[in-house]
PDB file of N, CA and C in Angstrom:
ATOM      1  N   MET A   1       9.439  -4.969   7.733  1.00  0.00           N
ATOM      2  CA  MET A   1       8.512  -5.580   6.776  1.00  0.00           C
ATOM      3  C   MET A   1       8.720  -4.884   5.439  1.00  0.00           C
ATOM      4  N   THR A   2       8.838  -5.664   4.391  1.00  0.00           N
ATOM      5  CA  THR A   2       8.970  -5.073   3.054  1.00  0.00           C
ATOM      6  C   THR A   2       7.577  -4.538   2.576  1.00  0.00           C
ATOM      7  N   ILE A   3       7.665  -3.618   1.628  1.00  0.00           N
ATOM      8  CA  ILE A   3       6.425  -3.079   1.102  1.00  0.00           C
ATOM      9  C   ILE A   3       5.600  -4.185   0.429  1.00  0.00           C
ATOM     10  N   ARG A   4       6.280  -5.092  -0.262  1.00  0.00           N
ATOM     11  CA  ARG A   4       5.570  -6.215  -0.936  1.00  0.00           C
ATOM     12  C   ARG A   4       4.799  -7.038   0.123  1.00  0.00           C
ATOM     13  N   LYS A   5       5.438  -7.360   1.262  1.00  0.00           N
ATOM     14  CA  LYS A   5       4.792  -8.121   2.319  1.00  0.00           C
ATOM     15  C   LYS A   5       3.624  -7.326   2.937  1.00  0.00           C
ATOM     16  N   LEU A   6       3.860  -6.052   3.151  1.00  0.00           N
ATOM     17  CA  LEU A   6       2.805  -5.200   3.733  1.00  0.00           C
ATOM     18  C   LEU A   6       1.612  -5.204   2.832  1.00  0.00           C
ATOM     19  N   ILE A   7       1.798  -4.999   1.534  1.00  0.00           N
ATOM     20  CA  ILE A   7       0.699  -4.974   0.549  1.00  0.00           C
ATOM     21  C   ILE A   7      -0.053  -6.287   0.548  1.00  0.00           C
ATOM     22  N   ASN A   8       0.725  -7.397   0.528  1.00  0.00           N
ATOM     23  CA  ASN A   8       0.099  -8.745   0.489  1.00  0.00           C
ATOM     24  C   ASN A   8      -0.647  -9.059   1.803  1.00  0.00           C
ATOM     25  N   ASP A   9       0.008  -8.799   2.946  1.00  0.00           N
ATOM     26  CA  ASP A   9      -0.583  -9.170   4.244  1.00  0.00           C
ATOM     27  C   ASP A   9      -1.757  -8.283   4.599  1.00  0.00           C
ATOM     28  N   LYS A  10      -1.647  -7.001   4.362  1.00  0.00           N
ATOM     29  CA  LYS A  10      -2.690  -6.079   4.833  1.00  0.00           C
ATOM     30  C   LYS A  10      -3.819  -5.899   3.841  1.00  0.00           C
ATOM     31  N   PHE A  11      -3.525  -5.958   2.549  1.00  0.00           N
ATOM     32  CA  PHE A  11      -4.513  -5.626   1.491  1.00  0.00           C
ATOM     33  C   PHE A  11      -4.881  -6.777   0.582  1.00  0.00           C
ATOM     34  N   GLY A  12      -4.129  -7.886   0.685  1.00  0.00           N
ATOM     35  CA  GLY A  12      -4.471  -9.039  -0.147  1.00  0.00           C
ATOM     36  C   GLY A  12      -3.826  -8.993  -1.562  1.00  0.00           C
ATOM     37  N   GLY A  13      -2.824  -8.118  -1.691  1.00  0.00           N
ATOM     38  CA  GLY A  13      -2.101  -8.056  -2.951  1.00  0.00           C
ATOM     39  C   GLY A  13      -2.195  -6.700  -3.624  1.00  0.00           C
ATOM     40  N   CYS A  14      -1.314  -6.564  -4.628  1.00  0.00           N
ATOM     41  CA  CYS A  14      -1.197  -5.268  -5.375  1.00  0.00           C
ATOM     42  C   CYS A  14      -2.482  -4.884  -6.076  1.00  0.00           C
ATOM     43  N   LYS A  15      -3.107  -5.877  -6.719  1.00  0.00           N
ATOM     44  CA  LYS A  15      -4.292  -5.579  -7.514  1.00  0.00           C
ATOM     45  C   LYS A  15      -5.411  -5.048  -6.639  1.00  0.00           C
ATOM     46  N   LYS A  16      -5.588  -5.710  -5.458  1.00  0.00           N
ATOM     47  CA  LYS A  16      -6.641  -5.272  -4.548  1.00  0.00           C
ATOM     48  C   LYS A  16      -6.385  -3.895  -4.009  1.00  0.00           C
ATOM     49  N   LEU A  17      -5.147  -3.589  -3.638  1.00  0.00           N
ATOM     50  CA  LEU A  17      -4.831  -2.264  -3.084  1.00  0.00           C
ATOM     51  C   LEU A  17      -5.031  -1.232  -4.209  1.00  0.00           C
ATOM     52  N   ALA A  18      -4.593  -1.554  -5.410  1.00  0.00           N
ATOM     53  CA  ALA A  18      -4.794  -0.615  -6.518  1.00  0.00           C
ATOM     54  C   ALA A  18      -6.281  -0.314  -6.727  1.00  0.00           C
ATOM     55  N   GLN A  19      -7.142  -1.300  -6.608  1.00  0.00           N
ATOM     56  CA  GLN A  19      -8.575  -1.112  -6.762  1.00  0.00           C
ATOM     57  C   GLN A  19      -9.077  -0.228  -5.621  1.00  0.00           C
ATOM     58  N   MET A  20      -8.649  -0.502  -4.399  1.00  0.00           N
ATOM     59  CA  MET A  20      -9.082   0.305  -3.237  1.00  0.00           C
ATOM     60  C   MET A  20      -8.667   1.765  -3.385  1.00  0.00           C
ATOM     61  N   LEU A  21      -7.504   2.004  -3.992  1.00  0.00           N
ATOM     62  CA  LEU A  21      -6.990   3.359  -4.202  1.00  0.00           C
ATOM     63  C   LEU A  21      -7.623   4.045  -5.400  1.00  0.00           C
ATOM     64  N   GLY A  22      -8.275   3.258  -6.235  1.00  0.00           N
ATOM     65  CA  GLY A  22      -8.870   3.816  -7.463  1.00  0.00           C
ATOM     66  C   GLY A  22      -7.820   4.039  -8.548  1.00  0.00           C
ATOM     67  N   CYS A  23      -6.731   3.329  -8.492  1.00  0.00           N
ATOM     68  CA  CYS A  23      -5.686   3.459  -9.542  1.00  0.00           C
ATOM     69  C   CYS A  23      -6.201   2.814 -10.825  1.00  0.00           C
ATOM     70  N   LYS A  24      -5.991   3.524 -11.911  1.00  0.00           N
ATOM     71  CA  LYS A  24      -6.397   2.950 -13.217  1.00  0.00           C
ATOM     72  C   LYS A  24      -5.563   1.717 -13.589  1.00  0.00           C
ATOM     73  N   PHE A  25      -4.295   1.781 -13.167  1.00  0.00           N
ATOM     74  CA  PHE A  25      -3.369   0.730 -13.534  1.00  0.00           C
ATOM     75  C   PHE A  25      -2.741   0.097 -12.312  1.00  0.00           C
ATOM     76  N   PRO A  26      -2.971  -1.216 -12.063  1.00  0.00           N
ATOM     77  CA  PRO A  26      -2.361  -1.901 -10.929  1.00  0.00           C
ATOM     78  C   PRO A  26      -0.834  -1.852 -10.927  1.00  0.00           C
ATOM     79  N   THR A  27      -0.274  -1.576 -12.113  1.00  0.00           N
ATOM     80  CA  THR A  27       1.183  -1.554 -12.231  1.00  0.00           C
ATOM     81  C   THR A  27       1.787  -0.453 -11.336  1.00  0.00           C
ATOM     82  N   THR A  28       0.993   0.531 -11.011  1.00  0.00           N
ATOM     83  CA  THR A  28       1.427   1.587 -10.097  1.00  0.00           C
ATOM     84  C   THR A  28       1.852   0.953  -8.741  1.00  0.00           C
ATOM     85  N   VAL A  29       0.959   0.126  -8.220  1.00  0.00           N
ATOM     86  CA  VAL A  29       1.196  -0.487  -6.940  1.00  0.00           C
ATOM     87  C   VAL A  29       2.259  -1.593  -7.041  1.00  0.00           C
ATOM     88  N   TYR A  30       2.304  -2.330  -8.200  1.00  0.00           N
ATOM     89  CA  TYR A  30       3.293  -3.352  -8.407  1.00  0.00           C
ATOM     90  C   TYR A  30       4.705  -2.707  -8.377  1.00  0.00           C
ATOM     91  N   SER A  31       4.823  -1.515  -8.936  1.00  0.00           N
ATOM     92  CA  SER A  31       6.124  -0.844  -8.963  1.00  0.00           C
ATOM     93  C   SER A  31       6.563  -0.488  -7.516  1.00  0.00           C
ATOM     94  N   TRP A  32       5.624  -0.135  -6.651  1.00  0.00           N
ATOM     95  CA  TRP A  32       6.011   0.123  -5.242  1.00  0.00           C
ATOM     96  C   TRP A  32       6.607  -1.150  -4.641  1.00  0.00           C
ATOM     97  N   ALA A  33       5.926  -2.287  -4.873  1.00  0.00           N
ATOM     98  CA  ALA A  33       6.422  -3.567  -4.302  1.00  0.00           C
ATOM     99  C   ALA A  33       7.823  -3.877  -4.840  1.00  0.00           C
ATOM    100  N   GLN A  34       8.027  -3.638  -6.157  1.00  0.00           N
ATOM    101  CA  GLN A  34       9.335  -3.949  -6.727  1.00  0.00           C
ATOM    102  C   GLN A  34      10.452  -3.040  -6.179  1.00  0.00           C
ATOM    103  N   LYS A  35      10.103  -1.751  -5.996  1.00  0.00           N
ATOM    104  CA  LYS A  35      11.092  -0.787  -5.533  1.00  0.00           C
ATOM    105  C   LYS A  35      11.216  -0.780  -3.997  1.00  0.00           C
ATOM    106  N   ASN A  36      10.250  -1.446  -3.329  1.00  0.00           N
ATOM    107  CA  ASN A  36      10.169  -1.451  -1.897  1.00  0.00           C
ATOM    108  C   ASN A  36      10.058  -0.053  -1.344  1.00  0.00           C
ATOM    109  N   LYS A  37       9.260   0.783  -2.036  1.00  0.00           N
ATOM    110  CA  LYS A  37       9.097   2.157  -1.614  1.00  0.00           C
ATOM    111  C   LYS A  37       7.764   2.681  -2.176  1.00  0.00           C
ATOM    112  N   ILE A  38       7.047   3.381  -1.288  1.00  0.00           N
ATOM    113  CA  ILE A  38       5.788   4.015  -1.687  1.00  0.00           C
ATOM    114  C   ILE A  38       6.026   5.533  -1.565  1.00  0.00           C
ATOM    115  N   PRO A  39       5.660   6.319  -2.589  1.00  0.00           N
ATOM    116  CA  PRO A  39       5.851   7.744  -2.526  1.00  0.00           C
ATOM    117  C   PRO A  39       5.084   8.306  -1.281  1.00  0.00           C
ATOM    118  N   VAL A  40       5.679   9.339  -0.687  1.00  0.00           N
ATOM    119  CA  VAL A  40       5.118   9.876   0.575  1.00  0.00           C
ATOM    120  C   VAL A  40       3.669  10.251   0.399  1.00  0.00           C
ATOM    121  N   TYR A  41       3.327  10.972  -0.687  1.00  0.00           N
ATOM    122  CA  TYR A  41       1.940  11.396  -0.858  1.00  0.00           C
ATOM    123  C   TYR A  41       0.977  10.221  -1.007  1.00  0.00           C
ATOM    124  N   ARG A  42       1.481   9.091  -1.446  1.00  0.00           N
ATOM    125  CA  ARG A  42       0.627   7.892  -1.586  1.00  0.00           C
ATOM    126  C   ARG A  42       0.501   7.167  -0.227  1.00  0.00           C
ATOM    127  N   ILE A  43       1.507   7.315   0.620  1.00  0.00           N
ATOM    128  CA  ILE A  43       1.387   6.675   1.947  1.00  0.00           C
ATOM    129  C   ILE A  43       0.162   7.183   2.689  1.00  0.00           C
ATOM    130  N   TYR A  44      -0.104   8.429   2.630  1.00  0.00           N
ATOM    131  CA  TYR A  44      -1.270   8.993   3.267  1.00  0.00           C
ATOM    132  C   TYR A  44      -2.574   8.440   2.624  1.00  0.00           C
ATOM    133  N   GLN A  45      -2.579   8.246   1.314  1.00  0.00           N
ATOM    134  CA  GLN A  45      -3.735   7.635   0.668  1.00  0.00           C
ATOM    135  C   GLN A  45      -3.899   6.196   1.091  1.00  0.00           C
ATOM    136  N   VAL A  46      -2.817   5.448   1.215  1.00  0.00           N
ATOM    137  CA  VAL A  46      -2.874   4.052   1.671  1.00  0.00           C
ATOM    138  C   VAL A  46      -3.389   4.029   3.112  1.00  0.00           C
ATOM    139  N   LEU A  47      -2.925   4.892   3.988  1.00  0.00           N
ATOM    140  CA  LEU A  47      -3.392   4.950   5.360  1.00  0.00           C
ATOM    141  C   LEU A  47      -4.915   5.223   5.390  1.00  0.00           C
ATOM    142  N   ASP A  48      -5.376   6.155   4.543  1.00  0.00           N
ATOM    143  CA  ASP A  48      -6.817   6.459   4.496  1.00  0.00           C
ATOM    144  C   ASP A  48      -7.641   5.262   4.047  1.00  0.00           C
ATOM    145  N   VAL A  49      -7.170   4.564   3.041  1.00  0.00           N
ATOM    146  CA  VAL A  49      -7.866   3.374   2.512  1.00  0.00           C
ATOM    147  C   VAL A  49      -7.888   2.305   3.571  1.00  0.00           C
ATOM    148  N   ALA A  50      -6.798   2.129   4.304  1.00  0.00           N
ATOM    149  CA  ALA A  50      -6.714   1.153   5.375  1.00  0.00           C
ATOM    150  C   ALA A  50      -7.764   1.462   6.449  1.00  0.00           C
ATOM    151  N   LYS A  51      -7.803   2.712   6.857  1.00  0.00           N
ATOM    152  CA  LYS A  51      -8.775   3.135   7.885  1.00  0.00           C
ATOM    153  C   LYS A  51     -10.212   2.883   7.416  1.00  0.00           C
ATOM    154  N   GLN A  52     -10.530   3.247   6.125  1.00  0.00           N
ATOM    155  CA  GLN A  52     -11.847   3.056   5.639  1.00  0.00           C
ATOM    156  C   GLN A  52     -12.260   1.590   5.580  1.00  0.00           C
ATOM    157  N   ASN A  53     -11.276   0.665   5.498  1.00  0.00           N
ATOM    158  CA  ASN A  53     -11.509  -0.750   5.373  1.00  0.00           C
ATOM    159  C   ASN A  53     -11.198  -1.500   6.657  1.00  0.00           C
ATOM    160  N   ASN A  54     -11.059  -0.770   7.774  1.00  0.00           N
ATOM    161  CA  ASN A  54     -10.766  -1.387   9.078  1.00  0.00           C
ATOM    162  C   ASN A  54      -9.526  -2.254   9.072  1.00  0.00           C
ATOM    163  N   ILE A  55      -8.466  -1.807   8.383  1.00  0.00           N
ATOM    164  CA  ILE A  55      -7.223  -2.497   8.295  1.00  0.00           C
ATOM    165  C   ILE A  55      -6.226  -1.770   9.215  1.00  0.00           C
ATOM    166  N   SER A  56      -5.643  -2.520  10.140  1.00  0.00           N
ATOM    167  CA  SER A  56      -4.694  -1.947  11.098  1.00  0.00           C
ATOM    168  C   SER A  56      -3.406  -1.580  10.392  1.00  0.00           C
ATOM    169  N   LEU A  57      -3.164  -0.275  10.306  1.00  0.00           N
ATOM    170  CA  LEU A  57      -1.942   0.207   9.616  1.00  0.00           C
ATOM    171  C   LEU A  57      -1.636   1.571  10.176  1.00  0.00           C
ATOM    172  N   THR A  58      -0.322   1.775  10.451  1.00  0.00           N
ATOM    173  CA  THR A  58       0.131   3.082  10.972  1.00  0.00           C
ATOM    174  C   THR A  58       1.360   3.545  10.200  1.00  0.00           C
ATOM    175  N   MET A  59       1.767   4.760  10.459  1.00  0.00           N
ATOM    176  CA  MET A  59       2.947   5.274   9.800  1.00  0.00           C
ATOM    177  C   MET A  59       4.177   4.448  10.140  1.00  0.00           C
ATOM    178  N   ASP A  60       4.206   3.871  11.346  1.00  0.00           N
ATOM    179  CA  ASP A  60       5.316   2.996  11.742  1.00  0.00           C
ATOM    180  C   ASP A  60       5.504   1.823  10.821  1.00  0.00           C
ATOM    181  N   ASP A  61       4.438   1.348  10.144  1.00  0.00           N
ATOM    182  CA  ASP A  61       4.557   0.247   9.260  1.00  0.00           C
ATOM    183  C   ASP A  61       5.403   0.568   8.033  1.00  0.00           C
ATOM    184  N   PHE A  62       5.612   1.854   7.754  1.00  0.00           N
ATOM    185  CA  PHE A  62       6.324   2.281   6.600  1.00  0.00           C
ATOM    186  C   PHE A  62       7.781   2.649   6.906  1.00  0.00           C
ATOM    187  N   LYS A  63       8.165   2.565   8.167  1.00  0.00           N
ATOM    188  CA  LYS A  63       9.533   2.940   8.536  1.00  0.00           C
ATOM    189  C   LYS A  63      10.515   1.962   7.912  1.00  0.00           C
ATOM    190  N   GLY A  64      11.627   2.499   7.485  1.00  0.00           N
ATOM    191  CA  GLY A  64      12.681   1.684   6.893  1.00  0.00           C
ATOM    192  C   GLY A  64      12.533   1.451   5.445  1.00  0.00           C
ATOM    193  N   GLN A  65      11.584   2.137   4.796  1.00  0.00           N
ATOM    194  CA  GLN A  65      11.444   1.940   3.321  1.00  0.00           C
ATOM    195  C   GLN A  65      12.328   2.939   2.608  1.00  0.00           C
TER     196      GLN A  65
END
């Protein structure tokens, strides 16, 4: 699964994930989708946000990025 697809399928898009993470600029998350890569320290934040919002997501979902 690409990072773009993961963001869209699990969180409803880049803007929504950026809001959930408290990012000032949604372009942060858009850049992850474009590069198909999320920085490691952000992966843990994304996992925390997913857990808080009852979104099924594990470290395995990020393999291959």
